[in-house]
Amino acid sequence: MAKQKPDLAAALRQPTIRGRSQAPEAPRANQQKDRIGKESITLFYPSEVKRQLLSMKLESRRTLHQIVGEALNDLFAKYGRPEIVPTEEGA
């Protein structure tokens, strides 16, 4: 019996982002538990932006993750979106 060929038309109908399926992936064996279900976001800004963020981090004694999360929640609120970044209390 011949091996059945994959249904390419069905595969092309699947929703994707840059060729990746949007379906949640199973956690990898070596993946950190606090990163399961999360995605990385890479942004490029002038060096001074990074220096200023790091300065704010030191002055506030908070993590960069907390500072950027607060800024994202403020941005979401500005555009009428739910504030979905976990806060210190809700983390």
PDB file of N, CA and C in Angstrom:
ATOM      1  N   MET A   1       0.852  -1.173   0.000  1.00  0.00           N
ATOM      2  CA  MET A   1       0.000   0.000   0.000  1.00  0.00           C
ATOM      3  C   MET A   1       0.897   1.235   0.000  1.00  0.00           C
ATOM      4  N   ALA A   2       0.604   2.186  -0.877  1.00  0.00           N
ATOM      5  CA  ALA A   2       1.414   3.400  -0.999  1.00  0.00           C
ATOM      6  C   ALA A   2       1.120   4.353   0.161  1.00  0.00           C
ATOM      7  N   LYS A   3       2.162   5.071   0.566  1.00  0.00           N
ATOM      8  CA  LYS A   3       2.014   6.041   1.648  1.00  0.00           C
ATOM      9  C   LYS A   3       1.155   7.201   1.152  1.00  0.00           C
ATOM     10  N   GLN A   4       0.170   7.619   1.964  1.00  0.00           N
ATOM     11  CA  GLN A   4      -0.735   8.702   1.578  1.00  0.00           C
ATOM     12  C   GLN A   4       0.005  10.033   1.639  1.00  0.00           C
ATOM     13  N   LYS A   5      -0.155  10.850   0.582  1.00  0.00           N
ATOM     14  CA  LYS A   5       0.494  12.154   0.532  1.00  0.00           C
ATOM     15  C   LYS A   5      -0.239  13.127   1.445  1.00  0.00           C
ATOM     16  N   PRO A   6       0.492  14.077   2.037  1.00  0.00           N
ATOM     17  CA  PRO A   6      -0.166  15.060   2.896  1.00  0.00           C
ATOM     18  C   PRO A   6      -1.091  15.957   2.078  1.00  0.00           C
ATOM     19  N   ASP A   7      -2.161  16.415   2.699  1.00  0.00           N
ATOM     20  CA  ASP A   7      -3.123  17.296   2.051  1.00  0.00           C
ATOM     21  C   ASP A   7      -2.582  18.727   2.110  1.00  0.00           C
ATOM     22  N   LEU A   8      -1.888  19.144   1.054  1.00  0.00           N
ATOM     23  CA  LEU A   8      -1.272  20.464   1.030  1.00  0.00           C
ATOM     24  C   LEU A   8      -2.315  21.576   1.035  1.00  0.00           C
ATOM     25  N   ALA A   9      -3.423  21.367   0.373  1.00  0.00           N
ATOM     26  CA  ALA A   9      -4.471  22.397   0.344  1.00  0.00           C
ATOM     27  C   ALA A   9      -4.994  22.661   1.755  1.00  0.00           C
ATOM     28  N   ALA A  10      -5.180  21.611   2.541  1.00  0.00           N
ATOM     29  CA  ALA A  10      -5.661  21.779   3.916  1.00  0.00           C
ATOM     30  C   ALA A  10      -4.606  22.496   4.761  1.00  0.00           C
ATOM     31  N   ALA A  11      -3.350  22.170   4.538  1.00  0.00           N
ATOM     32  CA  ALA A  11      -2.282  22.821   5.287  1.00  0.00           C
ATOM     33  C   ALA A  11      -2.214  24.306   4.967  1.00  0.00           C
ATOM     34  N   LEU A  12      -2.458  24.671   3.729  1.00  0.00           N
ATOM     35  CA  LEU A  12      -2.413  26.079   3.330  1.00  0.00           C
ATOM     36  C   LEU A  12      -3.587  26.871   3.877  1.00  0.00           C
ATOM     37  N   ARG A  13      -4.681  26.203   4.192  1.00  0.00           N
ATOM     38  CA  ARG A  13      -5.849  26.887   4.752  1.00  0.00           C
ATOM     39  C   ARG A  13      -5.681  27.210   6.234  1.00  0.00           C
ATOM     40  N   GLN A  14      -4.710  26.603   6.898  1.00  0.00           N
ATOM     41  CA  GLN A  14      -4.491  26.830   8.322  1.00  0.00           C
ATOM     42  C   GLN A  14      -4.015  28.266   8.540  1.00  0.00           C
ATOM     43  N   PRO A  15      -4.587  28.984   9.536  1.00  0.00           N
ATOM     44  CA  PRO A  15      -4.123  30.346   9.815  1.00  0.00           C
ATOM     45  C   PRO A  15      -2.685  30.322  10.316  1.00  0.00           C
ATOM     46  N   THR A  16      -1.873  31.224   9.782  1.00  0.00           N
ATOM     47  CA  THR A  16      -0.472  31.266  10.179  1.00  0.00           C
ATOM     48  C   THR A  16      -0.012  32.692  10.387  1.00  0.00           C
ATOM     49  N   ILE A  17       1.075  32.814  11.098  1.00  0.00           N
ATOM     50  CA  ILE A  17       1.796  34.074  11.238  1.00  0.00           C
ATOM     51  C   ILE A  17       3.203  33.785  10.733  1.00  0.00           C
ATOM     52  N   ARG A  18       3.576  34.395   9.629  1.00  0.00           N
ATOM     53  CA  ARG A  18       4.898  34.172   9.030  1.00  0.00           C
ATOM     54  C   ARG A  18       5.193  32.688   8.894  1.00  0.00           C
ATOM     55  N   GLY A  19       4.227  31.945   8.406  1.00  0.00           N
ATOM     56  CA  GLY A  19       4.435  30.535   8.159  1.00  0.00           C
ATOM     57  C   GLY A  19       4.305  29.635   9.379  1.00  0.00           C
ATOM     58  N   ARG A  20       4.032  30.206  10.564  1.00  0.00           N
ATOM     59  CA  ARG A  20       3.881  29.407  11.772  1.00  0.00           C
ATOM     60  C   ARG A  20       2.409  29.285  12.131  1.00  0.00           C
ATOM     61  N   SER A  21       2.001  28.124  12.508  1.00  0.00           N
ATOM     62  CA  SER A  21       0.622  27.910  12.926  1.00  0.00           C
ATOM     63  C   SER A  21       0.322  28.738  14.168  1.00  0.00           C
ATOM     64  N   GLN A  22      -0.908  29.242  14.287  1.00  0.00           N
ATOM     65  CA  GLN A  22      -1.303  30.007  15.457  1.00  0.00           C
ATOM     66  C   GLN A  22      -1.765  29.110  16.596  1.00  0.00           C
ATOM     67  N   ALA A  23      -1.843  27.824  16.349  1.00  0.00           N
ATOM     68  CA  ALA A  23      -2.263  26.900  17.404  1.00  0.00           C
ATOM     69  C   ALA A  23      -1.203  26.881  18.497  1.00  0.00           C
ATOM     70  N   PRO A  24      -1.622  26.823  19.763  1.00  0.00           N
ATOM     71  CA  PRO A  24      -0.637  26.795  20.837  1.00  0.00           C
ATOM     72  C   PRO A  24       0.237  25.553  20.738  1.00  0.00           C
ATOM     73  N   GLU A  25       1.523  25.744  20.960  1.00  0.00           N
ATOM     74  CA  GLU A  25       2.451  24.630  20.885  1.00  0.00           C
ATOM     75  C   GLU A  25       2.607  23.994  22.262  1.00  0.00           C
ATOM     76  N   ALA A  26       2.916  22.730  22.261  1.00  0.00           N
ATOM     77  CA  ALA A  26       3.196  22.043  23.520  1.00  0.00           C
ATOM     78  C   ALA A  26       4.524  22.554  24.053  1.00  0.00           C
ATOM     79  N   PRO A  27       4.662  22.698  25.370  1.00  0.00           N
ATOM     80  CA  PRO A  27       5.933  23.177  25.923  1.00  0.00           C
ATOM     81  C   PRO A  27       7.079  22.233  25.583  1.00  0.00           C
ATOM     82  N   ARG A  28       8.240  22.817  25.283  1.00  0.00           N
ATOM     83  CA  ARG A  28       9.431  22.015  25.029  1.00  0.00           C
ATOM     84  C   ARG A  28       9.971  21.500  26.358  1.00  0.00           C
ATOM     85  N   ALA A  29      10.707  20.424  26.308  1.00  0.00           N
ATOM     86  CA  ALA A  29      11.237  19.811  27.530  1.00  0.00           C
ATOM     87  C   ALA A  29      12.169  20.754  28.277  1.00  0.00           C
ATOM     88  N   ASN A  30      12.927  21.587  27.558  1.00  0.00           N
ATOM     89  CA  ASN A  30      13.897  22.457  28.215  1.00  0.00           C
ATOM     90  C   ASN A  30      13.375  23.881  28.414  1.00  0.00           C
ATOM     91  N   GLN A  31      12.099  24.109  28.156  1.00  0.00           N
ATOM     92  CA  GLN A  31      11.539  25.460  28.262  1.00  0.00           C
ATOM     93  C   GLN A  31      11.300  25.837  29.726  1.00  0.00           C
ATOM     94  N   GLN A  32      11.671  27.079  30.076  1.00  0.00           N
ATOM     95  CA  GLN A  32      11.445  27.550  31.436  1.00  0.00           C
ATOM     96  C   GLN A  32       9.951  27.636  31.696  1.00  0.00           C
ATOM     97  N   LYS A  33       9.547  27.194  32.881  1.00  0.00           N
ATOM     98  CA  LYS A  33       8.117  27.139  33.205  1.00  0.00           C
ATOM     99  C   LYS A  33       7.444  28.506  33.145  1.00  0.00           C
ATOM    100  N   ASP A  34       8.148  29.576  33.526  1.00  0.00           N
ATOM    101  CA  ASP A  34       7.524  30.899  33.518  1.00  0.00           C
ATOM    102  C   ASP A  34       7.418  31.489  32.117  1.00  0.00           C
ATOM    103  N   ARG A  35       7.927  30.803  31.100  1.00  0.00           N
ATOM    104  CA  ARG A  35       7.820  31.292  29.722  1.00  0.00           C
ATOM    105  C   ARG A  35       6.802  30.511  28.894  1.00  0.00           C
ATOM    106  N   ILE A  36       6.183  29.497  29.470  1.00  0.00           N
ATOM    107  CA  ILE A  36       5.198  28.702  28.741  1.00  0.00           C
ATOM    108  C   ILE A  36       4.009  29.595  28.404  1.00  0.00           C
ATOM    109  N   GLY A  37       3.595  29.590  27.155  1.00  0.00           N
ATOM    110  CA  GLY A  37       2.461  30.388  26.704  1.00  0.00           C
ATOM    111  C   GLY A  37       2.806  31.841  26.447  1.00  0.00           C
ATOM    112  N   LYS A  38       4.087  32.184  26.471  1.00  0.00           N
ATOM    113  CA  LYS A  38       4.503  33.567  26.237  1.00  0.00           C
ATOM    114  C   LYS A  38       5.345  33.646  24.977  1.00  0.00           C
ATOM    115  N   GLU A  39       5.395  34.826  24.391  1.00  0.00           N
ATOM    116  CA  GLU A  39       6.167  35.069  23.185  1.00  0.00           C
ATOM    117  C   GLU A  39       7.182  36.164  23.449  1.00  0.00           C
ATOM    118  N   SER A  40       8.269  36.115  22.738  1.00  0.00           N
ATOM    119  CA  SER A  40       9.288  37.155  22.836  1.00  0.00           C
ATOM    120  C   SER A  40       8.949  38.268  21.842  1.00  0.00           C
ATOM    121  N   ILE A  41       9.246  39.515  22.231  1.00  0.00           N
ATOM    122  CA  ILE A  41       9.039  40.669  21.356  1.00  0.00           C
ATOM    123  C   ILE A  41      10.381  41.390  21.264  1.00  0.00           C
ATOM    124  N   THR A  42      10.899  41.549  20.057  1.00  0.00           N
ATOM    125  CA  THR A  42      12.160  42.246  19.863  1.00  0.00           C
ATOM    126  C   THR A  42      11.882  43.572  19.183  1.00  0.00           C
ATOM    127  N   LEU A  43      12.396  44.644  19.761  1.00  0.00           N
ATOM    128  CA  LEU A  43      12.207  45.985  19.218  1.00  0.00           C
ATOM    129  C   LEU A  43      13.561  46.668  19.115  1.00  0.00           C
ATOM    130  N   PHE A  44      13.704  47.566  18.153  1.00  0.00           N
ATOM    131  CA  PHE A  44      14.953  48.284  17.975  1.00  0.00           C
ATOM    132  C   PHE A  44      14.719  49.777  18.116  1.00  0.00           C
ATOM    133  N   TYR A  45      15.413  50.384  19.076  1.00  0.00           N
ATOM    134  CA  TYR A  45      15.340  51.819  19.339  1.00  0.00           C
ATOM    135  C   TYR A  45      16.756  52.345  19.521  1.00  0.00           C
ATOM    136  N   PRO A  46      16.931  53.669  19.498  1.00  0.00           N
ATOM    137  CA  PRO A  46      18.269  54.226  19.737  1.00  0.00           C
ATOM    138  C   PRO A  46      18.813  53.791  21.108  1.00  0.00           C
ATOM    139  N   SER A  47      20.131  53.735  21.211  1.00  0.00           N
ATOM    140  CA  SER A  47      20.794  53.291  22.443  1.00  0.00           C
ATOM    141  C   SER A  47      20.348  54.086  23.658  1.00  0.00           C
ATOM    142  N   GLU A  48      20.054  55.382  23.476  1.00  0.00           N
ATOM    143  CA  GLU A  48      19.664  56.227  24.597  1.00  0.00           C
ATOM    144  C   GLU A  48      18.353  55.730  25.237  1.00  0.00           C
ATOM    145  N   VAL A  49      17.469  55.138  24.452  1.00  0.00           N
ATOM    146  CA  VAL A  49      16.217  54.600  24.995  1.00  0.00           C
ATOM    147  C   VAL A  49      16.538  53.484  25.986  1.00  0.00           C
ATOM    148  N   LYS A  50      17.442  52.605  25.613  1.00  0.00           N
ATOM    149  CA  LYS A  50      17.817  51.510  26.510  1.00  0.00           C
ATOM    150  C   LYS A  50      18.482  52.059  27.770  1.00  0.00           C
ATOM    151  N   ARG A  51      19.393  53.027  27.611  1.00  0.00           N
ATOM    152  CA  ARG A  51      20.061  53.608  28.782  1.00  0.00           C
ATOM    153  C   ARG A  51      19.047  54.246  29.728  1.00  0.00           C
ATOM    154  N   GLN A  52      18.064  54.928  29.162  1.00  0.00           N
ATOM    155  CA  GLN A  52      17.062  55.581  30.008  1.00  0.00           C
ATOM    156  C   GLN A  52      16.199  54.553  30.740  1.00  0.00           C
ATOM    157  N   LEU A  53      15.823  53.488  30.051  1.00  0.00           N
ATOM    158  CA  LEU A  53      15.047  52.426  30.701  1.00  0.00           C
ATOM    159  C   LEU A  53      15.841  51.777  31.834  1.00  0.00           C
ATOM    160  N   LEU A  54      17.125  51.524  31.592  1.00  0.00           N
ATOM    161  CA  LEU A  54      17.956  50.910  32.633  1.00  0.00           C
ATOM    162  C   LEU A  54      18.134  51.854  33.816  1.00  0.00           C
ATOM    163  N   SER A  55      18.222  53.146  33.548  1.00  0.00           N
ATOM    164  CA  SER A  55      18.311  54.132  34.624  1.00  0.00           C
ATOM    165  C   SER A  55      17.029  54.130  35.450  1.00  0.00           C
ATOM    166  N   MET A  56      15.878  54.076  34.784  1.00  0.00           N
ATOM    167  CA  MET A  56      14.588  54.020  35.483  1.00  0.00           C
ATOM    168  C   MET A  56      14.496  52.749  36.323  1.00  0.00           C
ATOM    169  N   LYS A  57      15.026  51.662  35.794  1.00  0.00           N
ATOM    170  CA  LYS A  57      15.025  50.391  36.515  1.00  0.00           C
ATOM    171  C   LYS A  57      15.789  50.523  37.830  1.00  0.00           C
ATOM    172  N   LEU A  58      16.970  51.124  37.755  1.00  0.00           N
ATOM    173  CA  LEU A  58      17.787  51.282  38.962  1.00  0.00           C
ATOM    174  C   LEU A  58      17.134  52.227  39.965  1.00  0.00           C
ATOM    175  N   GLU A  59      16.613  53.352  39.475  1.00  0.00           N
ATOM    176  CA  GLU A  59      15.993  54.340  40.360  1.00  0.00           C
ATOM    177  C   GLU A  59      14.745  53.802  41.050  1.00  0.00           C
ATOM    178  N   SER A  60      13.954  53.017  40.332  1.00  0.00           N
ATOM    179  CA  SER A  60      12.689  52.534  40.883  1.00  0.00           C
ATOM    180  C   SER A  60      12.828  51.205  41.635  1.00  0.00           C
ATOM    181  N   ARG A  61      14.001  50.567  41.483  1.00  0.00           N
ATOM    182  CA  ARG A  61      14.239  49.248  42.095  1.00  0.00           C
ATOM    183  C   ARG A  61      13.200  48.225  41.650  1.00  0.00           C
ATOM    184  N   ARG A  62      12.840  48.331  40.380  1.00  0.00           N
ATOM    185  CA  ARG A  62      11.909  47.386  39.760  1.00  0.00           C
ATOM    186  C   ARG A  62      12.631  46.717  38.599  1.00  0.00           C
ATOM    187  N   THR A  63      12.056  45.656  38.073  1.00  0.00           N
ATOM    188  CA  THR A  63      12.670  44.994  36.929  1.00  0.00           C
ATOM    189  C   THR A  63      12.280  45.730  35.647  1.00  0.00           C
ATOM    190  N   LEU A  64      13.091  45.542  34.630  1.00  0.00           N
ATOM    191  CA  LEU A  64      12.777  46.122  33.329  1.00  0.00           C
ATOM    192  C   LEU A  64      11.445  45.560  32.819  1.00  0.00           C
ATOM    193  N   HIS A  65      11.217  44.308  33.107  1.00  0.00           N
ATOM    194  CA  HIS A  65       9.965  43.654  32.717  1.00  0.00           C
ATOM    195  C   HIS A  65       8.766  44.365  33.344  1.00  0.00           C
ATOM    196  N   GLN A  66       8.873  44.744  34.618  1.00  0.00           N
ATOM    197  CA  GLN A  66       7.778  45.448  35.298  1.00  0.00           C
ATOM    198  C   GLN A  66       7.566  46.845  34.704  1.00  0.00           C
ATOM    199  N   ILE A  67       8.653  47.556  34.420  1.00  0.00           N
ATOM    200  CA  ILE A  67       8.548  48.910  33.876  1.00  0.00           C
ATOM    201  C   ILE A  67       7.910  48.896  32.494  1.00  0.00           C
ATOM    202  N   VAL A  68       8.371  48.002  31.632  1.00  0.00           N
ATOM    203  CA  VAL A  68       7.817  47.924  30.276  1.00  0.00           C
ATOM    204  C   VAL A  68       6.377  47.410  30.323  1.00  0.00           C
ATOM    205  N   GLY A  69       6.079  46.486  31.229  1.00  0.00           N
ATOM    206  CA  GLY A  69       4.700  46.000  31.390  1.00  0.00           C
ATOM    207  C   GLY A  69       3.752  47.116  31.782  1.00  0.00           C
ATOM    208  N   GLU A  70       4.198  47.981  32.691  1.00  0.00           N
ATOM    209  CA  GLU A  70       3.383  49.136  33.097  1.00  0.00           C
ATOM    210  C   GLU A  70       3.131  50.058  31.898  1.00  0.00           C
ATOM    211  N   ALA A  71       4.179  50.295  31.118  1.00  0.00           N
ATOM    212  CA  ALA A  71       4.044  51.157  29.941  1.00  0.00           C
ATOM    213  C   ALA A  71       3.083  50.550  28.917  1.00  0.00           C
ATOM    214  N   LEU A  72       3.159  49.237  28.723  1.00  0.00           N
ATOM    215  CA  LEU A  72       2.244  48.582  27.784  1.00  0.00           C
ATOM    216  C   LEU A  72       0.803  48.680  28.263  1.00  0.00           C
ATOM    217  N   ASN A  73       0.566  48.458  29.560  1.00  0.00           N
ATOM    218  CA  ASN A  73      -0.790  48.591  30.090  1.00  0.00           C
ATOM    219  C   ASN A  73      -1.315  50.011  29.902  1.00  0.00           C
ATOM    220  N   ASP A  74      -0.451  51.026  30.105  1.00  0.00           N
ATOM    221  CA  ASP A  74      -0.854  52.416  29.877  1.00  0.00           C
ATOM    222  C   ASP A  74      -1.227  52.641  28.411  1.00  0.00           C
ATOM    223  N   LEU A  75      -0.446  52.060  27.505  1.00  0.00           N
ATOM    224  CA  LEU A  75      -0.729  52.185  26.073  1.00  0.00           C
ATOM    225  C   LEU A  75      -2.052  51.500  25.716  1.00  0.00           C
ATOM    226  N   PHE A  76      -2.262  50.294  26.258  1.00  0.00           N
ATOM    227  CA  PHE A  76      -3.519  49.588  26.007  1.00  0.00           C
ATOM    228  C   PHE A  76      -4.713  50.414  26.488  1.00  0.00           C
ATOM    229  N   ALA A  77      -4.593  50.996  27.684  1.00  0.00           N
ATOM    230  CA  ALA A  77      -5.679  51.812  28.240  1.00  0.00           C
ATOM    231  C   ALA A  77      -5.942  53.030  27.350  1.00  0.00           C
ATOM    232  N   LYS A  78      -4.897  53.654  26.866  1.00  0.00           N
ATOM    233  CA  LYS A  78      -5.027  54.824  26.003  1.00  0.00           C
ATOM    234  C   LYS A  78      -5.861  54.505  24.767  1.00  0.00           C
ATOM    235  N   TYR A  79      -5.702  53.296  24.228  1.00  0.00           N
ATOM    236  CA  TYR A  79      -6.428  52.891  23.025  1.00  0.00           C
ATOM    237  C   TYR A  79      -7.676  52.067  23.334  1.00  0.00           C
ATOM    238  N   GLY A  80      -8.131  52.100  24.589  1.00  0.00           N
ATOM    239  CA  GLY A  80      -9.376  51.428  24.956  1.00  0.00           C
ATOM    240  C   GLY A  80      -9.288  49.915  24.953  1.00  0.00           C
ATOM    241  N   ARG A  81      -8.107  49.392  25.143  1.00  0.00           N
ATOM    242  CA  ARG A  81      -7.916  47.937  25.182  1.00  0.00           C
ATOM    243  C   ARG A  81      -7.749  47.486  26.628  1.00  0.00           C
ATOM    244  N   PRO A  82      -8.012  46.229  26.923  1.00  0.00           N
ATOM    245  CA  PRO A  82      -7.826  45.743  28.282  1.00  0.00           C
ATOM    246  C   PRO A  82      -6.348  45.759  28.679  1.00  0.00           C
ATOM    247  N   GLU A  83      -6.092  46.090  29.932  1.00  0.00           N
ATOM    248  CA  GLU A  83      -4.732  46.088  30.472  1.00  0.00           C
ATOM    249  C   GLU A  83      -4.403  44.647  30.843  1.00  0.00           C
ATOM    250  N   ILE A  84      -3.690  43.945  29.961  1.00  0.00           N
ATOM    251  CA  ILE A  84      -3.520  42.498  30.105  1.00  0.00           C
ATOM    252  C   ILE A  84      -2.147  42.062  30.611  1.00  0.00           C
ATOM    253  N   VAL A  85      -1.208  43.004  30.758  1.00  0.00           N
ATOM    254  CA  VAL A  85       0.113  42.629  31.281  1.00  0.00           C
ATOM    255  C   VAL A  85      -0.036  42.435  32.791  1.00  0.00           C
ATOM    256  N   PRO A  86       0.372  41.269  33.317  1.00  0.00           N
ATOM    257  CA  PRO A  86       0.253  41.054  34.764  1.00  0.00           C
ATOM    258  C   PRO A  86       1.046  42.089  35.549  1.00  0.00           C
ATOM    259  N   THR A  87       0.472  42.551  36.653  1.00  0.00           N
ATOM    260  CA  THR A  87       1.152  43.490  37.540  1.00  0.00           C
ATOM    261  C   THR A  87       1.833  42.706  38.649  1.00  0.00           C
ATOM    262  N   GLU A  88       2.597  43.401  39.475  1.00  0.00           N
ATOM    263  CA  GLU A  88       3.281  42.743  40.600  1.00  0.00           C
ATOM    264  C   GLU A  88       2.292  42.002  41.487  1.00  0.00           C
ATOM    265  N   GLU A  89       1.154  42.655  41.756  1.00  0.00           N
ATOM    266  CA  GLU A  89       0.160  42.047  42.648  1.00  0.00           C
ATOM    267  C   GLU A  89      -0.470  40.831  41.997  1.00  0.00           C
ATOM    268  N   GLY A  90      -0.672  40.883  40.633  1.00  0.00           N
ATOM    269  CA  GLY A  90      -1.365  39.806  39.948  1.00  0.00           C
ATOM    270  C   GLY A  90      -0.432  38.776  39.347  1.00  0.00           C
ATOM    271  N   ALA A  91       0.866  38.996  39.483  1.00  0.00           N
ATOM    272  CA  ALA A  91       1.824  38.086  38.842  1.00  0.00           C
ATOM    273  C   ALA A  91       1.961  36.788  39.597  1.00  0.00           C
TER     274      ALA A  91
END
